[in-house]
Protein backbone atom coordinates (compact mmCIF):
# COMPACT_ATOMS: atom_id res chain seq x y z
CA UNK A 1 98.49 111.98 93.34
CA UNK A 2 97.43 108.17 93.18
CA UNK A 3 95.28 108.82 90.36
CA UNK A 4 97.98 110.69 88.27
CA UNK A 5 100.65 108.13 89.04
CA UNK A 6 98.21 105.11 88.31
CA UNK A 7 97.44 106.72 84.98
CA UNK A 8 100.93 107.28 84.11
CA UNK A 9 102.00 103.55 85.12
CA UNK A 10 99.17 102.36 82.77
CA UNK A 11 100.45 104.52 79.80
CA UNK A 12 104.00 102.95 80.51
CA UNK A 13 102.33 99.46 80.25
CA UNK A 14 102.31 98.37 83.96
CA UNK A 15 99.92 95.67 84.98
CA UNK A 16 98.20 94.82 88.25
CA UNK A 17 98.37 98.18 90.15
CA UNK A 18 97.55 98.18 93.74
CA UNK A 19 96.64 101.40 95.48
CA UNK A 20 96.61 102.27 99.19
CA UNK A 21 95.27 105.47 100.71
CA UNK A 22 98.02 105.79 103.35
CA UNK A 23 101.17 103.76 104.64
CA UNK A 24 99.16 101.64 106.90
CA UNK A 25 96.93 100.49 104.21
CA UNK A 26 99.99 99.91 102.03
CA UNK A 27 101.45 97.45 104.48
CA UNK A 28 98.19 95.55 104.22
CA UNK A 29 98.46 95.52 100.33
CA UNK A 30 102.17 94.45 100.78
CA UNK A 31 101.24 91.49 102.97
CA UNK A 32 98.56 90.20 100.54
CA UNK A 33 99.96 90.66 97.29
CA UNK A 34 103.19 89.99 95.18
CA UNK A 35 104.56 93.46 94.54
CA UNK A 36 107.63 94.31 92.28
CA UNK A 37 107.68 98.09 92.89
CA UNK A 38 106.47 100.70 95.54
CA UNK A 39 105.62 104.30 94.52
CA UNK A 40 104.70 106.21 97.63
CA UNK A 41 103.90 109.77 98.51
CA UNK A 42 106.07 111.32 101.25
CA UNK A 43 103.20 113.00 102.91
CA UNK A 44 100.38 110.50 103.79
CA UNK A 45 97.97 110.29 106.79
CA UNK A 46 98.48 107.78 109.49
CA UNK A 47 101.97 106.77 108.24
CA UNK A 48 104.40 108.83 106.04
CA UNK A 49 106.06 107.65 103.10
CA UNK A 50 109.33 107.76 104.87
CA UNK A 51 107.90 105.70 107.75
CA UNK A 52 106.62 103.05 104.96
CA UNK A 53 110.08 103.26 103.45
CA UNK A 54 111.62 102.18 106.93
CA UNK A 55 109.11 99.44 107.27
CA UNK A 56 109.77 98.02 103.98
CA UNK A 57 113.68 98.10 104.37
CA UNK A 58 113.50 96.49 107.77
CA UNK A 59 111.29 93.52 106.52
CA UNK A 60 113.34 90.55 105.15
CA UNK A 61 110.74 89.89 102.42
CA UNK A 62 110.19 93.37 101.30
CA UNK A 63 113.81 95.10 101.73
CA UNK A 64 114.83 94.60 98.09
CA UNK A 65 111.87 96.09 96.40
CA UNK A 66 112.46 99.14 94.39
CA UNK A 67 110.93 102.07 96.15
CA UNK A 68 110.31 105.41 94.41
CA UNK A 69 109.37 108.44 96.71
CA UNK A 70 107.12 110.92 95.14
CA UNK A 71 106.78 114.36 97.07
CA UNK A 72 106.28 117.93 96.97
CA UNK A 73 109.09 118.15 99.39
CA UNK A 74 112.26 119.20 97.72
CA UNK A 75 114.26 119.90 100.98
CA UNK A 76 117.75 118.61 101.16
CA UNK A 77 117.27 117.32 104.60
CA UNK A 78 114.30 115.12 103.45
CA UNK A 79 116.05 113.69 100.46
CA UNK A 80 119.15 112.88 102.77
CA UNK A 81 116.77 111.04 105.22
CA UNK A 82 115.28 109.00 102.46
CA UNK A 83 118.54 108.05 101.12
CA UNK A 84 119.64 107.03 104.48
CA UNK A 85 116.90 104.50 104.45
CA UNK A 86 117.90 103.29 100.98
CA UNK A 87 115.31 104.88 98.86
CA UNK A 88 115.70 103.69 95.32
CA UNK A 89 114.95 106.86 93.67
CA UNK A 90 113.12 110.22 94.51
CA UNK A 91 110.98 112.56 92.35
CA UNK A 92 109.58 115.95 93.25
CA UNK A 93 106.07 116.96 92.15
CA UNK A 94 105.12 118.39 89.58
CA UNK A 95 106.51 115.91 87.10
CA UNK A 96 105.78 114.47 83.65
CA UNK A 97 104.99 110.85 82.52
CA UNK A 98 108.63 110.98 80.95
CA UNK A 99 110.43 111.90 84.04
CA UNK A 100 108.50 109.18 85.95
CA UNK A 101 109.47 106.73 83.15
CA UNK A 102 113.01 107.91 83.51
CA UNK A 103 113.07 107.30 87.17
CA UNK A 104 111.56 104.06 86.96
CA UNK A 105 113.97 102.98 84.38
CA UNK A 106 116.85 103.66 86.83
CA UNK A 107 115.51 101.44 89.51
CA UNK A 108 113.76 98.58 87.76
CA UNK A 109 115.67 95.59 86.27
CA UNK A 110 115.69 95.61 82.50
CA UNK A 111 113.57 92.94 80.90
């Protein structure tokens, strides 16, 4: 999933894309880099995307970041849980570059 999202983000002209193999590694990236957007899978080892979302929303320096949850989980309960923790948007796999671009346009400030 990371490779697909990375390639789509590059096609959409995003620069400086940082990757993490799991939620714990993502926290390390977040603490060491200036980040403008988080795209996270729901299902990750060690720390789920939902747990990462909870961490981000509880951190004063990170809580305002746009957060897009990417998942194969289309279950209503998961969506409600993510919304409860203020996920910016939610996308269900499989998806196209156009759908990802549309979701990002809704959560990123216009330039």
